[in-house]
Amino acid sequence: MFSARKVFCLSLRYKSGTTSTSTFQCKRPPKKPFWLGLAKSKLFRIPKPKEYPPLEKEEYDRLEDIYNRQMLSLTAFTAEKAREAAKRAEEEKDTSESAQIDDDSYNAKWNAATAALREERLKRESIELEETLLRQRMEFEEKSEMIRNRVEEIVKAEIEISDTYVTEENIDSVIENCLANTKDYDFAIDLKGNVEMMYMS
């Protein structure tokens, strides 16, 4: 028998191909949440104690005694396992502390060896860097010397041919020389490949 709460019916319709099926599903609304407390109509209700037949009462007491003894045994067993786990954890802690001390000493030795290797590597890299800088400096000086020698050769060559330069002092004589010794560089080539100079009239 349903209680006074309303019952909702949901109509579901399924359609597959050419057939259509309707299904009705009844669903009750959820119960009152527990945090709203007990209803006023049931606030002072005292439930009647259950009455068992004598045989059932004896069986119930026997099963309850067995249950209590088993729970005590299980509680004692769990407590013993917890003590063993705590003892084992304490031993592991002591072992880990001693291992940590050994690890620290090993780590200190390893750090010292690594520091020695690092110092050696830095010293070797410093020597290699000095050699590289010295070699680059020598190459730069050699290149600068070559450039300086090349510049000196160019300057000497220019000084040697500087006598033929046209200056303010010799410009008149150069012009007179050019007018006295005219040259015509126009020429022509005939069909036979002979070169004929084209003299100005």
C-alpha atoms as a PDB file:
ATOM      1  CA  MET A   1       0.000   0.000   0.000  1.00  0.00           C
ATOM      2  CA  PHE A   2       1.366   3.377  -0.983  1.00  0.00           C
ATOM      3  CA  SER A   3       1.769   6.180   1.508  1.00  0.00           C
ATOM      4  CA  ALA A   4       0.225   9.618   1.230  1.00  0.00           C
ATOM      5  CA  ARG A   5       3.064  10.749  -1.012  1.00  0.00           C
ATOM      6  CA  LYS A   6       2.105  11.325  -4.589  1.00  0.00           C
ATOM      7  CA  VAL A   7       3.111   8.890  -7.278  1.00  0.00           C
ATOM      8  CA  PHE A   8       4.202  10.270 -10.620  1.00  0.00           C
ATOM      9  CA  CYS A   9       3.796   8.346 -13.845  1.00  0.00           C
ATOM     10  CA  LEU A  10       6.140   9.004 -16.717  1.00  0.00           C
ATOM     11  CA  SER A  11       5.026   8.206 -20.218  1.00  0.00           C
ATOM     12  CA  LEU A  12       7.839   7.029 -22.463  1.00  0.00           C
ATOM     13  CA  ARG A  13       7.253   6.396 -26.143  1.00  0.00           C
ATOM     14  CA  TYR A  14       9.640   4.353 -28.245  1.00  0.00           C
ATOM     15  CA  LYS A  15       9.462   4.342 -32.031  1.00  0.00           C
ATOM     16  CA  SER A  16      11.393   1.879 -34.151  1.00  0.00           C
ATOM     17  CA  GLY A  17      10.644   1.521 -37.840  1.00  0.00           C
ATOM     18  CA  THR A  18       6.925   1.565 -38.393  1.00  0.00           C
ATOM     19  CA  THR A  19       5.864   0.450 -34.863  1.00  0.00           C
ATOM     20  CA  SER A  20       5.399   2.736 -31.847  1.00  0.00           C
ATOM     21  CA  THR A  21       5.398   1.536 -28.219  1.00  0.00           C
ATOM     22  CA  SER A  22       4.266   3.476 -25.148  1.00  0.00           C
ATOM     23  CA  THR A  23       5.627   2.623 -21.697  1.00  0.00           C
ATOM     24  CA  PHE A  24       4.409   3.943 -18.328  1.00  0.00           C
ATOM     25  CA  GLN A  25       6.866   4.109 -15.445  1.00  0.00           C
ATOM     26  CA  CYS A  26       5.791   5.061 -11.907  1.00  0.00           C
ATOM     27  CA  LYS A  27       8.244   6.986  -9.762  1.00  0.00           C
ATOM     28  CA  ARG A  28       7.868   8.306  -6.247  1.00  0.00           C
ATOM     29  CA  PRO A  29       9.282  11.672  -5.244  1.00  0.00           C
ATOM     30  CA  PRO A  30      12.356  11.522  -2.981  1.00  0.00           C
ATOM     31  CA  LYS A  31      11.954  11.263   0.780  1.00  0.00           C
ATOM     32  CA  LYS A  32      12.314  14.173   3.144  1.00  0.00           C
ATOM     33  CA  PRO A  33      15.985  15.061   3.725  1.00  0.00           C
ATOM     34  CA  PHE A  34      17.369  13.915   7.055  1.00  0.00           C
ATOM     35  CA  TRP A  35      18.487  17.391   8.104  1.00  0.00           C
ATOM     36  CA  LEU A  36      14.858  18.593   8.357  1.00  0.00           C
ATOM     37  CA  GLY A  37      14.424  16.587  11.565  1.00  0.00           C
ATOM     38  CA  LEU A  38      11.651  14.399  12.830  1.00  0.00           C
ATOM     39  CA  ALA A  39       8.035  15.224  12.000  1.00  0.00           C
ATOM     40  CA  LYS A  40       5.930  16.739  14.786  1.00  0.00           C
ATOM     41  CA  SER A  41       3.412  13.899  14.554  1.00  0.00           C
ATOM     42  CA  LYS A  42       6.171  11.367  15.299  1.00  0.00           C
ATOM     43  CA  LEU A  43       8.173  13.435  17.786  1.00  0.00           C
ATOM     44  CA  PHE A  44       6.851  11.770  20.992  1.00  0.00           C
ATOM     45  CA  ARG A  45       6.236   8.291  19.582  1.00  0.00           C
ATOM     46  CA  ILE A  46       7.852   5.511  21.619  1.00  0.00           C
ATOM     47  CA  PRO A  47       8.337   2.298  19.634  1.00  0.00           C
ATOM     48  CA  LYS A  48       7.318  -0.903  21.367  1.00  0.00           C
ATOM     49  CA  PRO A  49      10.127  -3.337  22.115  1.00  0.00           C
ATOM     50  CA  LYS A  50      10.210  -6.424  19.973  1.00  0.00           C
ATOM     51  CA  GLU A  51       9.139  -9.634  21.630  1.00  0.00           C
ATOM     52  CA  TYR A  52      10.890 -12.870  20.631  1.00  0.00           C
ATOM     53  CA  PRO A  53       9.881 -16.426  21.398  1.00  0.00           C
ATOM     54  CA  PRO A  54      12.049 -18.171  24.056  1.00  0.00           C
ATOM     55  CA  LEU A  55      13.865 -20.391  21.555  1.00  0.00           C
ATOM     56  CA  GLU A  56      14.615 -17.474  19.257  1.00  0.00           C
ATOM     57  CA  LYS A  57      15.785 -15.412  22.274  1.00  0.00           C
ATOM     58  CA  GLU A  58      18.270 -18.119  23.253  1.00  0.00           C
ATOM     59  CA  GLU A  59      19.539 -18.385  19.670  1.00  0.00           C
ATOM     60  CA  TYR A  60      19.813 -14.620  19.464  1.00  0.00           C
ATOM     61  CA  ASP A  61      21.803 -14.460  22.718  1.00  0.00           C
ATOM     62  CA  ARG A  62      24.082 -17.265  21.534  1.00  0.00           C
ATOM     63  CA  LEU A  63      24.759 -15.569  18.187  1.00  0.00           C
ATOM     64  CA  GLU A  64      25.300 -12.219  19.915  1.00  0.00           C
ATOM     65  CA  ASP A  65      27.861 -13.807  22.270  1.00  0.00           C
ATOM     66  CA  ILE A  66      29.684 -15.381  19.325  1.00  0.00           C
ATOM     67  CA  TYR A  67      29.655 -12.063  17.493  1.00  0.00           C
ATOM     68  CA  ASN A  68      31.022 -10.160  20.505  1.00  0.00           C
ATOM     69  CA  ARG A  69      33.811 -12.716  21.029  1.00  0.00           C
ATOM     70  CA  GLN A  70      34.754 -12.574  17.337  1.00  0.00           C
ATOM     71  CA  MET A  71      34.793  -8.787  17.385  1.00  0.00           C
ATOM     72  CA  LEU A  72      37.033  -8.792  20.488  1.00  0.00           C
ATOM     73  CA  SER A  73      39.392 -11.242  18.801  1.00  0.00           C
ATOM     74  CA  LEU A  74      39.413  -9.186  15.616  1.00  0.00           C
ATOM     75  CA  THR A  75      40.070  -5.982  17.586  1.00  0.00           C
ATOM     76  CA  ALA A  76      42.952  -7.620  19.478  1.00  0.00           C
ATOM     77  CA  PHE A  77      44.382  -9.004  16.235  1.00  0.00           C
ATOM     78  CA  THR A  78      44.172  -5.583  14.558  1.00  0.00           C
ATOM     79  CA  ALA A  79      45.839  -3.910  17.557  1.00  0.00           C
ATOM     80  CA  GLU A  80      48.661  -6.493  17.504  1.00  0.00           C
ATOM     81  CA  LYS A  81      49.206  -5.924  13.791  1.00  0.00           C
ATOM     82  CA  ALA A  82      49.244  -2.159  14.384  1.00  0.00           C
ATOM     83  CA  ARG A  83      51.894  -2.555  17.120  1.00  0.00           C
ATOM     84  CA  GLU A  84      54.003  -4.746  14.843  1.00  0.00           C
ATOM     85  CA  ALA A  85      53.685  -2.221  12.018  1.00  0.00           C
ATOM     86  CA  ALA A  86      54.682   0.626  14.356  1.00  0.00           C
ATOM     87  CA  LYS A  87      57.690  -1.350  15.611  1.00  0.00           C
ATOM     88  CA  ARG A  88      58.715  -2.222  12.063  1.00  0.00           C
ATOM     89  CA  ALA A  89      58.341   1.426  11.031  1.00  0.00           C
ATOM     90  CA  GLU A  90      60.551   2.495  13.958  1.00  0.00           C
ATOM     91  CA  GLU A  91      63.201  -0.040  12.954  1.00  0.00           C
ATOM     92  CA  GLU A  92      63.013   1.106   9.348  1.00  0.00           C
ATOM     93  CA  LYS A  93      63.355   4.698  10.547  1.00  0.00           C
ATOM     94  CA  ASP A  94      66.514   3.844  12.494  1.00  0.00           C
ATOM     95  CA  THR A  95      67.845   1.956   9.493  1.00  0.00           C
ATOM     96  CA  SER A  96      67.013   4.849   7.182  1.00  0.00           C
ATOM     97  CA  GLU A  97      68.733   7.299   9.533  1.00  0.00           C
ATOM     98  CA  SER A  98      71.905   5.203   9.575  1.00  0.00           C
ATOM     99  CA  ALA A  99      71.645   4.826   5.811  1.00  0.00           C
ATOM    100  CA  GLN A 100      71.182   8.588   5.558  1.00  0.00           C
ATOM    101  CA  ILE A 101      74.394   9.092   7.544  1.00  0.00           C
ATOM    102  CA  ASP A 102      76.216   6.702   5.206  1.00  0.00           C
ATOM    103  CA  ASP A 103      74.700   8.493   2.228  1.00  0.00           C
ATOM    104  CA  ASP A 104      75.840  11.859   3.598  1.00  0.00           C
ATOM    105  CA  SER A 105      79.428  10.649   4.017  1.00  0.00           C
ATOM    106  CA  TYR A 106      79.360   9.107   0.546  1.00  0.00           C
ATOM    107  CA  ASN A 107      77.842  12.305  -0.818  1.00  0.00           C
ATOM    108  CA  ALA A 108      80.604  14.363   0.818  1.00  0.00           C
ATOM    109  CA  LYS A 109      83.276  12.148  -0.757  1.00  0.00           C
ATOM    110  CA  TRP A 110      81.533  12.330  -4.100  1.00  0.00           C
ATOM    111  CA  ASN A 111      81.304  16.121  -3.872  1.00  0.00           C
ATOM    112  CA  ALA A 112      85.018  16.333  -3.056  1.00  0.00           C
ATOM    113  CA  ALA A 113      85.922  14.130  -6.023  1.00  0.00           C
ATOM    114  CA  THR A 114      83.605  16.128  -8.281  1.00  0.00           C
ATOM    115  CA  ALA A 115      85.144  19.393  -7.050  1.00  0.00           C
ATOM    116  CA  ALA A 116      88.644  18.080  -7.822  1.00  0.00           C
ATOM    117  CA  LEU A 117      87.560  17.056 -11.319  1.00  0.00           C
ATOM    118  CA  ARG A 118      85.904  20.433 -11.811  1.00  0.00           C
ATOM    119  CA  GLU A 119      89.044  22.295 -10.726  1.00  0.00           C
ATOM    120  CA  GLU A 120      91.130  20.219 -13.107  1.00  0.00           C
ATOM    121  CA  ARG A 121      88.685  20.826 -15.945  1.00  0.00           C
ATOM    122  CA  LEU A 122      88.584  24.576 -15.286  1.00  0.00           C
ATOM    123  CA  LYS A 123      92.385  24.714 -15.203  1.00  0.00           C
ATOM    124  CA  ARG A 124      92.585  22.798 -18.488  1.00  0.00           C
ATOM    125  CA  GLU A 125      89.959  25.045 -20.083  1.00  0.00           C
ATOM    126  CA  SER A 126      91.843  28.131 -18.851  1.00  0.00           C
ATOM    127  CA  ILE A 127      95.077  26.899 -20.446  1.00  0.00           C
ATOM    128  CA  GLU A 128      93.256  26.085 -23.696  1.00  0.00           C
ATOM    129  CA  LEU A 129      91.637  29.530 -23.670  1.00  0.00           C
ATOM    130  CA  GLU A 130      94.994  31.241 -23.175  1.00  0.00           C
ATOM    131  CA  GLU A 131      96.488  29.233 -26.039  1.00  0.00           C
ATOM    132  CA  THR A 132      93.525  30.092 -28.267  1.00  0.00           C
ATOM    133  CA  LEU A 133      93.775  33.805 -27.454  1.00  0.00           C
ATOM    134  CA  LEU A 134      97.548  33.764 -28.038  1.00  0.00           C
ATOM    135  CA  ARG A 135      97.095  32.013 -31.387  1.00  0.00           C
ATOM    136  CA  GLN A 136      94.371  34.471 -32.434  1.00  0.00           C
ATOM    137  CA  ARG A 137      96.595  37.381 -31.405  1.00  0.00           C
ATOM    138  CA  MET A 138      99.521  36.018 -33.446  1.00  0.00           C
ATOM    139  CA  GLU A 139      97.237  35.477 -36.458  1.00  0.00           C
ATOM    140  CA  PHE A 140      95.914  39.020 -36.087  1.00  0.00           C
ATOM    141  CA  GLU A 141      99.436  40.446 -35.895  1.00  0.00           C
ATOM    142  CA  GLU A 142     100.519  38.440 -38.959  1.00  0.00           C
ATOM    143  CA  LYS A 143      97.471  39.637 -40.884  1.00  0.00           C
ATOM    144  CA  SER A 144      98.095  43.233 -39.786  1.00  0.00           C
ATOM    145  CA  GLU A 145     101.749  42.927 -40.861  1.00  0.00           C
ATOM    146  CA  MET A 146     100.696  41.631 -44.286  1.00  0.00           C
ATOM    147  CA  ILE A 147      98.229  44.493 -44.702  1.00  0.00           C
ATOM    148  CA  ARG A 148     100.855  47.010 -43.612  1.00  0.00           C
ATOM    149  CA  ASN A 149     103.411  45.579 -46.080  1.00  0.00           C
ATOM    150  CA  ARG A 150     100.828  45.660 -48.865  1.00  0.00           C
ATOM    151  CA  VAL A 151      99.999  49.274 -48.076  1.00  0.00           C
ATOM    152  CA  GLU A 152     103.699  50.179 -48.057  1.00  0.00           C
ATOM    153  CA  GLU A 153     104.158  48.521 -51.466  1.00  0.00           C
ATOM    154  CA  ILE A 154     101.199  50.441 -52.862  1.00  0.00           C
ATOM    155  CA  VAL A 155     102.553  53.690 -51.418  1.00  0.00           C
ATOM    156  CA  LYS A 156     106.021  53.045 -52.871  1.00  0.00           C
ATOM    157  CA  ALA A 157     104.531  52.266 -56.294  1.00  0.00           C
ATOM    158  CA  GLU A 158     102.473  55.437 -56.176  1.00  0.00           C
ATOM    159  CA  ILE A 159     105.542  57.449 -55.174  1.00  0.00           C
ATOM    160  CA  GLU A 160     107.491  55.999 -58.107  1.00  0.00           C
ATOM    161  CA  ILE A 161     104.820  56.947 -60.645  1.00  0.00           C
ATOM    162  CA  SER A 162     104.075  60.253 -58.997  1.00  0.00           C
ATOM    163  CA  ASP A 163     106.515  61.935 -61.420  1.00  0.00           C
ATOM    164  CA  THR A 164     103.977  61.424 -64.212  1.00  0.00           C
ATOM    165  CA  TYR A 165     101.154  63.085 -62.284  1.00  0.00           C
ATOM    166  CA  VAL A 166      99.712  66.334 -63.629  1.00  0.00           C
ATOM    167  CA  THR A 167     100.153  69.057 -61.033  1.00  0.00           C
ATOM    168  CA  GLU A 168      99.734  72.807 -60.973  1.00  0.00           C
ATOM    169  CA  GLU A 169     103.439  73.253 -61.620  1.00  0.00           C
ATOM    170  CA  ASN A 170     103.705  71.070 -64.761  1.00  0.00           C
ATOM    171  CA  ILE A 171     100.231  71.385 -66.234  1.00  0.00           C
ATOM    172  CA  ASP A 172     101.363  73.896 -68.897  1.00  0.00           C
ATOM    173  CA  SER A 173     104.214  71.719 -70.118  1.00  0.00           C
ATOM    174  CA  VAL A 174     101.957  68.651 -70.181  1.00  0.00           C
ATOM    175  CA  ILE A 175      99.400  70.490 -72.295  1.00  0.00           C
ATOM    176  CA  GLU A 176     102.083  71.711 -74.724  1.00  0.00           C
ATOM    177  CA  ASN A 177     103.485  68.173 -74.981  1.00  0.00           C
ATOM    178  CA  CYS A 178     100.045  66.754 -75.713  1.00  0.00           C
ATOM    179  CA  LEU A 179      99.397  69.335 -78.404  1.00  0.00           C
ATOM    180  CA  ALA A 180     102.801  68.729 -79.988  1.00  0.00           C
ATOM    181  CA  ASN A 181     102.437  64.944 -79.974  1.00  0.00           C
ATOM    182  CA  THR A 182      98.841  64.251 -80.902  1.00  0.00           C
ATOM    183  CA  LYS A 183      97.698  60.670 -81.190  1.00  0.00           C
ATOM    184  CA  ASP A 184      94.598  59.367 -82.888  1.00  0.00           C
ATOM    185  CA  TYR A 185      93.361  56.029 -81.677  1.00  0.00           C
ATOM    186  CA  ASP A 186      90.558  55.692 -84.250  1.00  0.00           C
ATOM    187  CA  PHE A 187      91.039  52.754 -86.623  1.00  0.00           C
ATOM    188  CA  ALA A 188      89.063  50.505 -88.925  1.00  0.00           C
ATOM    189  CA  ILE A 189      89.329  46.896 -90.065  1.00  0.00           C
ATOM    190  CA  ASP A 190      88.704  46.006 -93.700  1.00  0.00           C
ATOM    191  CA  LEU A 191      87.241  42.752 -95.005  1.00  0.00           C
ATOM    192  CA  LYS A 192      90.675  41.136 -95.097  1.00  0.00           C
ATOM    193  CA  GLY A 193      91.362  41.946 -91.474  1.00  0.00           C
ATOM    194  CA  ASN A 194      93.835  44.746 -92.108  1.00  0.00           C
ATOM    195  CA  VAL A 195      93.892  47.601 -89.609  1.00  0.00           C
ATOM    196  CA  GLU A 196      93.742  51.060 -91.108  1.00  0.00           C
ATOM    197  CA  MET A 197      94.370  54.065 -88.903  1.00  0.00           C
ATOM    198  CA  MET A 198      91.910  56.904 -89.250  1.00  0.00           C
ATOM    199  CA  TYR A 199      94.122  59.993 -89.193  1.00  0.00           C
ATOM    200  CA  MET A 200      92.507  63.315 -88.599  1.00  0.00           C
ATOM    201  CA  SER A 201      92.831  65.711 -91.543  1.00  0.00           C
END
